[in-house]
Amino acid sequence: MNNLEFNDPKYKLIALYYGISAIIGLGLITYQLFTNPFHILVFILYVLIYIQLVFMLFGALQYWDKRQTGLKILFWISLS
């Protein structure tokens, strides 16, 4: 019931693009978190970006499986 019918085979490339970008972003933000001096405001911003990247990875996995929730998550992540 939650699956979409995709006529375009490029949806896997889009999901792969978002997934790889999320993994690279998570690695970079983790590296920056541990190498920069600690400041509470910077820490809060890093946590917010980290949460956004985790949602982006989850949305990419859902979209890869042709689920409508993945498409919605990626749409809102793209807007943010």
PDB file of N, CA and C in Angstrom:
ATOM      1  N   MET A   1       0.827  -1.190   0.000  1.00  0.00           N
ATOM      2  CA  MET A   1       0.000   0.000   0.000  1.00  0.00           C
ATOM      3  C   MET A   1       0.871   1.253   0.000  1.00  0.00           C
ATOM      4  N   ASN A   2       2.042   1.152   0.598  1.00  0.00           N
ATOM      5  CA  ASN A   2       2.904   2.315   0.710  1.00  0.00           C
ATOM      6  C   ASN A   2       3.926   2.392  -0.420  1.00  0.00           C
ATOM      7  N   ASN A   3       3.841   1.483  -1.395  1.00  0.00           N
ATOM      8  CA  ASN A   3       4.785   1.494  -2.504  1.00  0.00           C
ATOM      9  C   ASN A   3       4.265   2.339  -3.648  1.00  0.00           C
ATOM     10  N   LEU A   4       5.192   2.935  -4.362  1.00  0.00           N
ATOM     11  CA  LEU A   4       4.855   3.732  -5.534  1.00  0.00           C
ATOM     12  C   LEU A   4       5.239   2.947  -6.779  1.00  0.00           C
ATOM     13  N   GLU A   5       4.613   3.247  -7.870  1.00  0.00           N
ATOM     14  CA  GLU A   5       4.999   2.674  -9.148  1.00  0.00           C
ATOM     15  C   GLU A   5       5.915   3.663  -9.843  1.00  0.00           C
ATOM     16  N   PHE A   6       7.182   3.295  -9.987  1.00  0.00           N
ATOM     17  CA  PHE A   6       8.146   4.159 -10.632  1.00  0.00           C
ATOM     18  C   PHE A   6       8.331   3.701 -12.070  1.00  0.00           C
ATOM     19  N   ASN A   7       8.145   4.623 -12.997  1.00  0.00           N
ATOM     20  CA  ASN A   7       8.401   4.325 -14.397  1.00  0.00           C
ATOM     21  C   ASN A   7       9.804   4.734 -14.793  1.00  0.00           C
ATOM     22  N   ASP A   8      10.438   5.559 -13.998  1.00  0.00           N
ATOM     23  CA  ASP A   8      11.760   6.074 -14.294  1.00  0.00           C
ATOM     24  C   ASP A   8      12.813   5.274 -13.530  1.00  0.00           C
ATOM     25  N   PRO A   9      13.748   4.647 -14.233  1.00  0.00           N
ATOM     26  CA  PRO A   9      14.761   3.849 -13.526  1.00  0.00           C
ATOM     27  C   PRO A   9      15.819   4.702 -12.822  1.00  0.00           C
ATOM     28  N   LYS A  10      15.749   6.023 -12.972  1.00  0.00           N
ATOM     29  CA  LYS A  10      16.754   6.892 -12.355  1.00  0.00           C
ATOM     30  C   LYS A  10      16.518   7.104 -10.861  1.00  0.00           C
ATOM     31  N   TYR A  11      15.451   6.555 -10.315  1.00  0.00           N
ATOM     32  CA  TYR A  11      15.182   6.782  -8.897  1.00  0.00           C
ATOM     33  C   TYR A  11      16.272   6.158  -8.038  1.00  0.00           C
ATOM     34  N   LYS A  12      16.876   5.061  -8.498  1.00  0.00           N
ATOM     35  CA  LYS A  12      17.957   4.439  -7.718  1.00  0.00           C
ATOM     36  C   LYS A  12      19.207   5.313  -7.724  1.00  0.00           C
ATOM     37  N   LEU A  13      19.456   6.007  -8.825  1.00  0.00           N
ATOM     38  CA  LEU A  13      20.589   6.926  -8.862  1.00  0.00           C
ATOM     39  C   LEU A  13      20.376   8.090  -7.904  1.00  0.00           C
ATOM     40  N   ILE A  14      19.152   8.578  -7.833  1.00  0.00           N
ATOM     41  CA  ILE A  14      18.835   9.674  -6.912  1.00  0.00           C
ATOM     42  C   ILE A  14      18.990   9.209  -5.465  1.00  0.00           C
ATOM     43  N   ALA A  15      18.475   8.020  -5.160  1.00  0.00           N
ATOM     44  CA  ALA A  15      18.611   7.482  -3.803  1.00  0.00           C
ATOM     45  C   ALA A  15      20.072   7.241  -3.465  1.00  0.00           C
ATOM     46  N   LEU A  16      20.850   6.766  -4.426  1.00  0.00           N
ATOM     47  CA  LEU A  16      22.277   6.537  -4.203  1.00  0.00           C
ATOM     48  C   LEU A  16      23.012   7.850  -3.971  1.00  0.00           C
ATOM     49  N   TYR A  17      22.647   8.871  -4.719  1.00  0.00           N
ATOM     50  CA  TYR A  17      23.257  10.191  -4.551  1.00  0.00           C
ATOM     51  C   TYR A  17      23.001  10.732  -3.138  1.00  0.00           C
ATOM     52  N   TYR A  18      21.748  10.672  -2.697  1.00  0.00           N
ATOM     53  CA  TYR A  18      21.423  11.156  -1.359  1.00  0.00           C
ATOM     54  C   TYR A  18      22.093  10.300  -0.281  1.00  0.00           C
ATOM     55  N   GLY A  19      22.127   9.001  -0.475  1.00  0.00           N
ATOM     56  CA  GLY A  19      22.740   8.118   0.514  1.00  0.00           C
ATOM     57  C   GLY A  19      24.233   8.346   0.657  1.00  0.00           C
ATOM     58  N   ILE A  20      24.945   8.448  -0.480  1.00  0.00           N
ATOM     59  CA  ILE A  20      26.387   8.691  -0.431  1.00  0.00           C
ATOM     60  C   ILE A  20      26.675  10.069   0.156  1.00  0.00           C
ATOM     61  N   SER A  21      25.877  11.052  -0.214  1.00  0.00           N
ATOM     62  CA  SER A  21      26.066  12.399   0.343  1.00  0.00           C
ATOM     63  C   SER A  21      25.856  12.408   1.852  1.00  0.00           C
ATOM     64  N   ALA A  22      24.878  11.655   2.328  1.00  0.00           N
ATOM     65  CA  ALA A  22      24.621  11.591   3.767  1.00  0.00           C
ATOM     66  C   ALA A  22      25.770  10.916   4.498  1.00  0.00           C
ATOM     67  N   ILE A  23      26.308   9.847   3.928  1.00  0.00           N
ATOM     68  CA  ILE A  23      27.417   9.143   4.573  1.00  0.00           C
ATOM     69  C   ILE A  23      28.658  10.027   4.622  1.00  0.00           C
ATOM     70  N   ILE A  24      28.961  10.701   3.520  1.00  0.00           N
ATOM     71  CA  ILE A  24      30.109  11.610   3.503  1.00  0.00           C
ATOM     72  C   ILE A  24      29.896  12.754   4.497  1.00  0.00           C
ATOM     73  N   GLY A  25      28.694  13.305   4.521  1.00  0.00           N
ATOM     74  CA  GLY A  25      28.384  14.387   5.455  1.00  0.00           C
ATOM     75  C   GLY A  25      28.499  13.952   6.901  1.00  0.00           C
ATOM     76  N   LEU A  26      28.034  12.742   7.215  1.00  0.00           N
ATOM     77  CA  LEU A  26      28.150  12.241   8.587  1.00  0.00           C
ATOM     78  C   LEU A  26      29.617  12.079   8.986  1.00  0.00           C
ATOM     79  N   GLY A  27      30.422  11.588   8.055  1.00  0.00           N
ATOM     80  CA  GLY A  27      31.847  11.447   8.349  1.00  0.00           C
ATOM     81  C   GLY A  27      32.513  12.789   8.575  1.00  0.00           C
ATOM     82  N   LEU A  28      32.207  13.754   7.717  1.00  0.00           N
ATOM     83  CA  LEU A  28      32.825  15.078   7.851  1.00  0.00           C
ATOM     84  C   LEU A  28      32.378  15.801   9.123  1.00  0.00           C
ATOM     85  N   ILE A  29      31.098  15.708   9.429  1.00  0.00           N
ATOM     86  CA  ILE A  29      30.593  16.419  10.605  1.00  0.00           C
ATOM     87  C   ILE A  29      31.124  15.767  11.884  1.00  0.00           C
ATOM     88  N   THR A  30      31.307  14.448  11.882  1.00  0.00           N
ATOM     89  CA  THR A  30      31.883  13.765  13.034  1.00  0.00           C
ATOM     90  C   THR A  30      33.338  14.174  13.217  1.00  0.00           C
ATOM     91  N   TYR A  31      34.068  14.241  12.112  1.00  0.00           N
ATOM     92  CA  TYR A  31      35.468  14.681  12.179  1.00  0.00           C
ATOM     93  C   TYR A  31      35.563  16.112  12.706  1.00  0.00           C
ATOM     94  N   GLN A  32      34.719  17.010  12.204  1.00  0.00           N
ATOM     95  CA  GLN A  32      34.740  18.397  12.651  1.00  0.00           C
ATOM     96  C   GLN A  32      34.348  18.531  14.120  1.00  0.00           C
ATOM     97  N   LEU A  33      33.432  17.684  14.547  1.00  0.00           N
ATOM     98  CA  LEU A  33      32.981  17.740  15.941  1.00  0.00           C
ATOM     99  C   LEU A  33      34.115  17.416  16.911  1.00  0.00           C
ATOM    100  N   PHE A  34      34.963  16.463  16.534  1.00  0.00           N
ATOM    101  CA  PHE A  34      36.031  16.047  17.432  1.00  0.00           C
ATOM    102  C   PHE A  34      37.326  16.838  17.267  1.00  0.00           C
ATOM    103  N   THR A  35      37.464  17.596  16.182  1.00  0.00           N
ATOM    104  CA  THR A  35      38.712  18.336  15.984  1.00  0.00           C
ATOM    105  C   THR A  35      38.601  19.820  16.339  1.00  0.00           C
ATOM    106  N   ASN A  36      37.414  20.370  16.321  1.00  0.00           N
ATOM    107  CA  ASN A  36      37.246  21.787  16.651  1.00  0.00           C
ATOM    108  C   ASN A  36      37.121  21.976  18.154  1.00  0.00           C
ATOM    109  N   PRO A  37      37.523  23.145  18.651  1.00  0.00           N
ATOM    110  CA  PRO A  37      37.336  23.421  20.082  1.00  0.00           C
ATOM    111  C   PRO A  37      35.847  23.418  20.442  1.00  0.00           C
ATOM    112  N   PHE A  38      35.559  22.993  21.648  1.00  0.00           N
ATOM    113  CA  PHE A  38      34.174  22.841  22.078  1.00  0.00           C
ATOM    114  C   PHE A  38      33.562  24.192  22.426  1.00  0.00           C
ATOM    115  N   HIS A  39      32.434  24.462  21.808  1.00  0.00           N
ATOM    116  CA  HIS A  39      31.610  25.620  22.126  1.00  0.00           C
ATOM    117  C   HIS A  39      30.166  25.145  22.036  1.00  0.00           C
ATOM    118  N   ILE A  40      29.337  25.516  22.976  1.00  0.00           N
ATOM    119  CA  ILE A  40      27.984  24.959  23.075  1.00  0.00           C
ATOM    120  C   ILE A  40      27.133  25.281  21.845  1.00  0.00           C
ATOM    121  N   LEU A  41      27.255  26.485  21.297  1.00  0.00           N
ATOM    122  CA  LEU A  41      26.465  26.851  20.123  1.00  0.00           C
ATOM    123  C   LEU A  41      26.884  26.037  18.902  1.00  0.00           C
ATOM    124  N   VAL A  42      28.181  25.861  18.732  1.00  0.00           N
ATOM    125  CA  VAL A  42      28.679  25.049  17.617  1.00  0.00           C
ATOM    126  C   VAL A  42      28.237  23.603  17.788  1.00  0.00           C
ATOM    127  N   PHE A  43      28.280  23.112  19.011  1.00  0.00           N
ATOM    128  CA  PHE A  43      27.850  21.748  19.288  1.00  0.00           C
ATOM    129  C   PHE A  43      26.374  21.548  18.936  1.00  0.00           C
ATOM    130  N   ILE A  44      25.533  22.498  19.296  1.00  0.00           N
ATOM    131  CA  ILE A  44      24.099  22.405  18.978  1.00  0.00           C
ATOM    132  C   ILE A  44      23.877  22.405  17.470  1.00  0.00           C
ATOM    133  N   LEU A  45      24.597  23.250  16.745  1.00  0.00           N
ATOM    134  CA  LEU A  45      24.466  23.272  15.291  1.00  0.00           C
ATOM    135  C   LEU A  45      24.935  21.971  14.665  1.00  0.00           C
ATOM    136  N   TYR A  46      26.036  21.404  15.155  1.00  0.00           N
ATOM    137  CA  TYR A  46      26.526  20.128  14.641  1.00  0.00           C
ATOM    138  C   TYR A  46      25.520  19.012  14.899  1.00  0.00           C
ATOM    139  N   VAL A  47      24.907  19.019  16.059  1.00  0.00           N
ATOM    140  CA  VAL A  47      23.904  17.991  16.369  1.00  0.00           C
ATOM    141  C   VAL A  47      22.697  18.121  15.440  1.00  0.00           C
ATOM    142  N   LEU A  48      22.258  19.338  15.172  1.00  0.00           N
ATOM    143  CA  LEU A  48      21.132  19.531  14.261  1.00  0.00           C
ATOM    144  C   LEU A  48      21.468  19.055  12.839  1.00  0.00           C
ATOM    145  N   ILE A  49      22.665  19.352  12.382  1.00  0.00           N
ATOM    146  CA  ILE A  49      23.083  18.894  11.053  1.00  0.00           C
ATOM    147  C   ILE A  49      23.214  17.375  11.039  1.00  0.00           C
ATOM    148  N   TYR A  50      23.732  16.810  12.111  1.00  0.00           N
ATOM    149  CA  TYR A  50      23.875  15.368  12.225  1.00  0.00           C
ATOM    150  C   TYR A  50      22.516  14.679  12.141  1.00  0.00           C
ATOM    151  N   ILE A  51      21.529  15.215  12.845  1.00  0.00           N
ATOM    152  CA  ILE A  51      20.174  14.652  12.799  1.00  0.00           C
ATOM    153  C   ILE A  51      19.604  14.743  11.387  1.00  0.00           C
ATOM    154  N   GLN A  52      19.820  15.861  10.721  1.00  0.00           N
ATOM    155  CA  GLN A  52      19.342  16.033   9.358  1.00  0.00           C
ATOM    156  C   GLN A  52      19.988  15.012   8.413  1.00  0.00           C
ATOM    157  N   LEU A  53      21.270  14.762   8.588  1.00  0.00           N
ATOM    158  CA  LEU A  53      21.954  13.791   7.734  1.00  0.00           C
ATOM    159  C   LEU A  53      21.484  12.367   8.000  1.00  0.00           C
ATOM    160  N   VAL A  54      21.166  12.053   9.240  1.00  0.00           N
ATOM    161  CA  VAL A  54      20.628  10.730   9.555  1.00  0.00           C
ATOM    162  C   VAL A  54      19.258  10.551   8.893  1.00  0.00           C
ATOM    163  N   PHE A  55      18.415  11.576   8.945  1.00  0.00           N
ATOM    164  CA  PHE A  55      17.130  11.514   8.259  1.00  0.00           C
ATOM    165  C   PHE A  55      17.307  11.387   6.749  1.00  0.00           C
ATOM    166  N   MET A  56      18.307  12.064   6.201  1.00  0.00           N
ATOM    167  CA  MET A  56      18.567  11.982   4.772  1.00  0.00           C
ATOM    168  C   MET A  56      18.984  10.567   4.383  1.00  0.00           C
ATOM    169  N   LEU A  57      19.809   9.934   5.188  1.00  0.00           N
ATOM    170  CA  LEU A  57      20.211   8.554   4.921  1.00  0.00           C
ATOM    171  C   LEU A  57      19.018   7.609   5.025  1.00  0.00           C
ATOM    172  N   PHE A  58      18.177   7.806   6.033  1.00  0.00           N
ATOM    173  CA  PHE A  58      16.978   6.992   6.184  1.00  0.00           C
ATOM    174  C   PHE A  58      16.034   7.181   4.999  1.00  0.00           C
ATOM    175  N   GLY A  59      15.865   8.422   4.559  1.00  0.00           N
ATOM    176  CA  GLY A  59      15.006   8.697   3.414  1.00  0.00           C
ATOM    177  C   GLY A  59      15.547   8.077   2.144  1.00  0.00           C
ATOM    178  N   ALA A  60      16.861   8.097   1.958  1.00  0.00           N
ATOM    179  CA  ALA A  60      17.467   7.488   0.776  1.00  0.00           C
ATOM    180  C   ALA A  60      17.240   5.976   0.772  1.00  0.00           C
ATOM    181  N   LEU A  61      17.357   5.349   1.936  1.00  0.00           N
ATOM    182  CA  LEU A  61      17.111   3.910   2.010  1.00  0.00           C
ATOM    183  C   LEU A  61      15.647   3.581   1.732  1.00  0.00           C
ATOM    184  N   GLN A  62      14.742   4.405   2.251  1.00  0.00           N
ATOM    185  CA  GLN A  62      13.322   4.186   1.996  1.00  0.00           C
ATOM    186  C   GLN A  62      12.983   4.402   0.518  1.00  0.00           C
ATOM    187  N   TYR A  63      13.568   5.413  -0.076  1.00  0.00           N
ATOM    188  CA  TYR A  63      13.327   5.711  -1.493  1.00  0.00           C
ATOM    189  C   TYR A  63      13.909   4.617  -2.380  1.00  0.00           C
ATOM    190  N   TRP A  64      15.037   4.040  -1.993  1.00  0.00           N
ATOM    191  CA  TRP A  64      15.641   2.941  -2.737  1.00  0.00           C
ATOM    192  C   TRP A  64      14.670   1.754  -2.785  1.00  0.00           C
ATOM    193  N   ASP A  65      13.934   1.551  -1.689  1.00  0.00           N
ATOM    194  CA  ASP A  65      12.955   0.464  -1.618  1.00  0.00           C
ATOM    195  C   ASP A  65      11.596   0.850  -2.184  1.00  0.00           C
ATOM    196  N   LYS A  66      11.524   1.967  -2.879  1.00  0.00           N
ATOM    197  CA  LYS A  66      10.307   2.472  -3.530  1.00  0.00           C
ATOM    198  C   LYS A  66       9.192   2.772  -2.541  1.00  0.00           C
ATOM    199  N   ARG A  67       9.556   3.306  -1.391  1.00  0.00           N
ATOM    200  CA  ARG A  67       8.539   3.676  -0.412  1.00  0.00           C
ATOM    201  C   ARG A  67       8.266   5.167  -0.499  1.00  0.00           C
ATOM    202  N   GLN A  68       7.008   5.499  -0.360  1.00  0.00           N
ATOM    203  CA  GLN A  68       6.588   6.889  -0.473  1.00  0.00           C
ATOM    204  C   GLN A  68       7.132   7.743   0.670  1.00  0.00           C
ATOM    205  N   THR A  69       7.344   7.161   1.835  1.00  0.00           N
ATOM    206  CA  THR A  69       7.889   7.922   2.954  1.00  0.00           C
ATOM    207  C   THR A  69       9.295   8.430   2.645  1.00  0.00           C
ATOM    208  N   GLY A  70      10.081   7.629   1.933  1.00  0.00           N
ATOM    209  CA  GLY A  70      11.418   8.068   1.549  1.00  0.00           C
ATOM    210  C   GLY A  70      11.380   9.262   0.624  1.00  0.00           C
ATOM    211  N   LEU A  71      10.440   9.262  -0.286  1.00  0.00           N
ATOM    212  CA  LEU A  71      10.285  10.393  -1.200  1.00  0.00           C
ATOM    213  C   LEU A  71       9.901  11.658  -0.447  1.00  0.00           C
ATOM    214  N   LYS A  72       9.010  11.524   0.522  1.00  0.00           N
ATOM    215  CA  LYS A  72       8.597  12.680   1.325  1.00  0.00           C
ATOM    216  C   LYS A  72       9.745  13.203   2.182  1.00  0.00           C
ATOM    217  N   ILE A  73      10.503  12.294   2.789  1.00  0.00           N
ATOM    218  CA  ILE A  73      11.638  12.717   3.620  1.00  0.00           C
ATOM    219  C   ILE A  73      12.665  13.455   2.782  1.00  0.00           C
ATOM    220  N   LEU A  74      13.008  12.920   1.619  1.00  0.00           N
ATOM    221  CA  LEU A  74      13.996  13.568   0.755  1.00  0.00           C
ATOM    222  C   LEU A  74      13.502  14.913   0.241  1.00  0.00           C
ATOM    223  N   PHE A  75      12.193  15.017   0.024  1.00  0.00           N
ATOM    224  CA  PHE A  75      11.630  16.299  -0.398  1.00  0.00           C
ATOM    225  C   PHE A  75      11.835  17.367   0.680  1.00  0.00           C
ATOM    226  N   TRP A  76      11.493  17.020   1.928  1.00  0.00           N
ATOM    227  CA  TRP A  76      11.630  18.007   3.008  1.00  0.00           C
ATOM    228  C   TRP A  76      13.079  18.278   3.364  1.00  0.00           C
ATOM    229  N   ILE A  77      13.932  17.291   3.246  1.00  0.00           N
ATOM    230  CA  ILE A  77      15.370  17.523   3.468  1.00  0.00           C
ATOM    231  C   ILE A  77      15.907  18.465   2.411  1.00  0.00           C
ATOM    232  N   SER A  78      15.470  18.291   1.187  1.00  0.00           N
ATOM    233  CA  SER A  78      15.934  19.182   0.098  1.00  0.00           C
ATOM    234  C   SER A  78      15.474  20.612   0.331  1.00  0.00           C
ATOM    235  N   LEU A  79      14.300  20.799   0.891  1.00  0.00           N
ATOM    236  CA  LEU A  79      13.821  22.143   1.169  1.00  0.00           C
ATOM    237  C   LEU A  79      14.567  22.794   2.332  1.00  0.00           C
ATOM    238  N   SER A  80      15.024  21.981   3.247  1.00  0.00           N
ATOM    239  CA  SER A  80      15.707  22.552   4.407  1.00  0.00           C
ATOM    240  C   SER A  80      17.148  22.870   4.078  1.00  0.00           C
TER     241      SER A  80
END
